[in-house]
Amino acid sequence: MSKKLQSIFNFLIIFFISISFSKAELINPKSDIKPSEVVKIQLLGLQKNDNDFKDSGIEQTWNFAHPNNKKNTGPFPKFKIMIKGNSYKMLLNHLSHTITKLGSGDKWAKFEVVILDKEKIYHKFNWQVEKYTMEGPLKDCWLTTIVSNPIPLGSLI
């Protein structure tokens, strides 16, 4: 094998190994992750959107989207466009967030999320998760079904 071909081969191996390690950083749904933790995982991902790899936070959020939600917002490239659009872009790389439980039942939980965006403006969201009850790898996992449009609350003085 020529030196040039060997160099390209070595580069590709290192490149694909680094991608697989980056992708391993993402958390996948499991039945022992609590509803509030699902919201926290998604918000932390969005807060540090490009830390692990480009749009890793958006992908992390997608991992915890309920399949019915994915039907409405997906496929993933469309979901990315939606998150980067005017309605939700303030979630990307936001400065801080709070999560307050509003109510819950056996198969649902609703939270109020307040974020402080990069422009130092507060926004409120209603964030709902539901327990997935169908058979398969997501059975008994808590997944996001609804994130409301943001309500601007004003700026930090």
Protein backbone atom coordinates (compact mmCIF):
# COMPACT_ATOMS: atom_id res chain seq x y z
CA MET A 1 0.00 0.00 0.00
CA SER A 2 1.39 3.40 -0.94
CA LYS A 3 2.19 5.94 1.80
CA LYS A 4 -0.50 8.27 0.50
CA LEU A 5 -3.14 5.55 0.49
CA GLN A 6 -2.03 4.40 3.96
CA SER A 7 -2.33 7.99 5.25
CA ILE A 8 -5.84 8.34 3.85
CA PHE A 9 -6.79 4.96 5.33
CA ASN A 10 -5.42 5.95 8.77
CA PHE A 11 -7.22 9.30 8.61
CA LEU A 12 -10.52 7.59 7.81
CA ILE A 13 -10.14 5.14 10.68
CA ILE A 14 -9.41 7.94 13.16
CA PHE A 15 -12.27 10.02 11.73
CA PHE A 16 -14.84 7.22 12.08
CA ILE A 17 -13.62 6.29 15.56
CA SER A 18 -13.95 9.91 16.70
CA ILE A 19 -17.48 10.10 15.28
CA SER A 20 -18.52 6.92 17.08
CA PHE A 21 -17.13 8.24 20.37
CA SER A 22 -18.96 11.53 19.86
CA LYS A 23 -22.23 9.78 19.16
CA ALA A 24 -21.72 7.66 22.29
CA GLU A 25 -22.00 10.85 24.35
CA LEU A 26 -25.75 10.99 23.72
CA ILE A 27 -28.13 9.52 26.27
CA ASN A 28 -30.79 7.16 25.01
CA PRO A 29 -34.20 6.61 26.60
CA LYS A 30 -34.36 3.98 29.35
CA SER A 31 -37.28 3.03 31.55
CA ASP A 32 -35.47 4.12 34.73
CA ILE A 33 -35.07 7.75 33.60
CA LYS A 34 -37.65 9.86 35.44
CA PRO A 35 -39.89 12.42 33.66
CA SER A 36 -38.08 15.46 35.07
CA GLU A 37 -34.74 13.92 34.08
CA VAL A 38 -35.95 13.59 30.48
CA VAL A 39 -36.67 17.32 30.36
CA LYS A 40 -33.33 18.09 32.04
CA ILE A 41 -31.40 15.88 29.58
CA GLN A 42 -33.04 17.65 26.64
CA LEU A 43 -32.47 21.14 28.04
CA LEU A 44 -28.82 20.46 28.90
CA GLY A 45 -28.29 19.15 25.39
CA LEU A 46 -29.86 22.24 23.82
CA GLN A 47 -27.92 24.51 26.19
CA LYS A 48 -24.67 23.00 24.91
CA ASN A 49 -25.89 22.25 21.40
CA ASP A 50 -22.57 21.93 19.58
CA ASN A 51 -20.34 20.79 22.48
CA ASP A 52 -20.04 17.11 21.54
CA PHE A 53 -20.53 17.55 17.79
CA LYS A 54 -22.55 19.87 15.55
CA ASP A 55 -26.19 19.89 16.66
CA SER A 56 -25.59 17.19 19.27
CA GLY A 57 -28.08 18.92 21.57
CA ILE A 58 -30.78 18.85 18.93
CA GLU A 59 -30.05 15.18 18.33
CA GLN A 60 -30.17 14.53 22.09
CA THR A 61 -33.60 16.18 22.21
CA TRP A 62 -34.74 14.12 19.23
CA ASN A 63 -33.71 10.91 21.04
CA PHE A 64 -36.31 11.64 23.74
CA ALA A 65 -39.12 12.74 21.40
CA HIS A 66 -42.17 10.48 21.52
CA PRO A 67 -42.75 8.60 18.22
CA ASN A 68 -46.07 10.43 17.77
CA ASN A 69 -44.22 13.72 18.23
CA LYS A 70 -41.61 12.63 15.67
CA LYS A 71 -44.41 12.00 13.16
CA ASN A 72 -45.44 15.65 13.52
CA THR A 73 -41.98 17.23 13.69
CA GLY A 74 -39.72 14.82 11.83
CA PRO A 75 -37.84 13.44 10.09
CA PHE A 76 -34.72 14.58 11.94
CA PRO A 77 -33.52 17.12 9.29
CA LYS A 78 -36.95 18.80 9.44
CA PHE A 79 -36.83 18.74 13.27
CA LYS A 80 -33.44 20.51 13.19
CA ILE A 81 -34.87 23.23 10.95
CA MET A 82 -37.81 23.65 13.33
CA ILE A 83 -35.56 23.99 16.41
CA LYS A 84 -33.34 26.52 14.62
CA GLY A 85 -36.38 28.51 13.48
CA ASN A 86 -37.85 31.55 15.21
CA SER A 87 -40.16 29.56 17.50
CA TYR A 88 -37.48 27.56 19.32
CA LYS A 89 -34.03 28.98 18.48
CA MET A 90 -33.83 30.65 21.92
CA LEU A 91 -33.40 27.15 23.40
CA LEU A 92 -30.09 26.73 21.58
CA ASN A 93 -27.12 27.65 23.74
CA HIS A 94 -29.36 29.29 26.35
CA LEU A 95 -27.69 30.60 29.52
CA SER A 96 -29.85 28.90 32.17
CA HIS A 97 -33.13 27.11 32.77
CA THR A 98 -35.50 26.11 35.55
CA ILE A 99 -37.88 23.17 35.52
CA THR A 100 -41.02 23.24 37.69
CA LYS A 101 -43.42 20.30 37.85
CA LEU A 102 -47.00 21.41 37.19
CA GLY A 103 -48.73 18.04 37.51
CA SER A 104 -48.49 14.36 36.73
CA GLY A 105 -50.30 11.06 36.48
CA ASP A 106 -49.24 7.46 35.96
CA LYS A 107 -48.47 8.02 32.29
CA TRP A 108 -47.91 11.77 31.94
CA ALA A 109 -46.09 14.68 33.55
CA LYS A 110 -46.22 18.37 32.74
CA PHE A 111 -43.54 20.95 33.53
CA GLU A 112 -43.06 24.67 33.26
CA VAL A 113 -39.66 25.45 31.80
CA VAL A 114 -38.21 28.93 31.97
CA ILE A 115 -35.03 29.61 30.03
CA LEU A 116 -32.76 32.63 29.89
CA ASP A 117 -31.56 32.92 26.30
CA LYS A 118 -28.28 34.32 24.96
CA GLU A 119 -29.89 37.75 24.62
CA LYS A 120 -30.75 37.62 28.34
CA ILE A 121 -34.49 37.34 27.67
CA TYR A 122 -36.61 34.89 29.66
CA HIS A 123 -39.02 32.54 27.87
CA LYS A 124 -41.56 30.14 29.37
CA PHE A 125 -42.58 26.79 27.87
CA ASN A 126 -44.98 24.04 28.87
CA TRP A 127 -43.17 20.73 28.41
CA GLN A 128 -45.07 17.45 28.58
CA VAL A 129 -43.72 13.91 28.70
CA GLU A 130 -45.62 10.65 28.52
CA LYS A 131 -44.74 7.06 29.30
CA TYR A 132 -44.51 5.03 26.11
CA THR A 133 -46.76 1.99 26.50
CA MET A 134 -46.30 0.13 23.22
CA GLU A 135 -44.04 -2.91 22.94
CA GLY A 136 -40.46 -2.45 21.79
CA PRO A 137 -37.25 -0.82 22.98
CA LEU A 138 -39.05 2.35 24.18
CA LYS A 139 -41.61 0.51 26.34
CA ASP A 140 -42.05 2.29 29.70
CA CYS A 141 -39.69 5.14 28.71
CA TRP A 142 -40.71 8.74 29.35
CA LEU A 143 -40.70 10.74 26.11
CA THR A 144 -41.60 14.30 25.17
CA THR A 145 -45.00 14.70 23.54
CA ILE A 146 -45.55 18.46 23.68
CA VAL A 147 -43.41 21.59 23.93
CA SER A 148 -45.51 24.73 23.73
CA ASN A 149 -44.58 27.82 21.82
CA PRO A 150 -42.48 30.13 23.99
CA ILE A 151 -43.99 32.95 26.00
CA PRO A 152 -41.49 35.83 26.30
CA LEU A 153 -41.25 37.00 29.92
CA GLY A 154 -38.97 40.00 29.47
CA SER A 155 -35.29 40.65 29.84
CA LEU A 156 -32.82 40.36 32.68
CA ILE A 157 -32.04 43.80 34.08
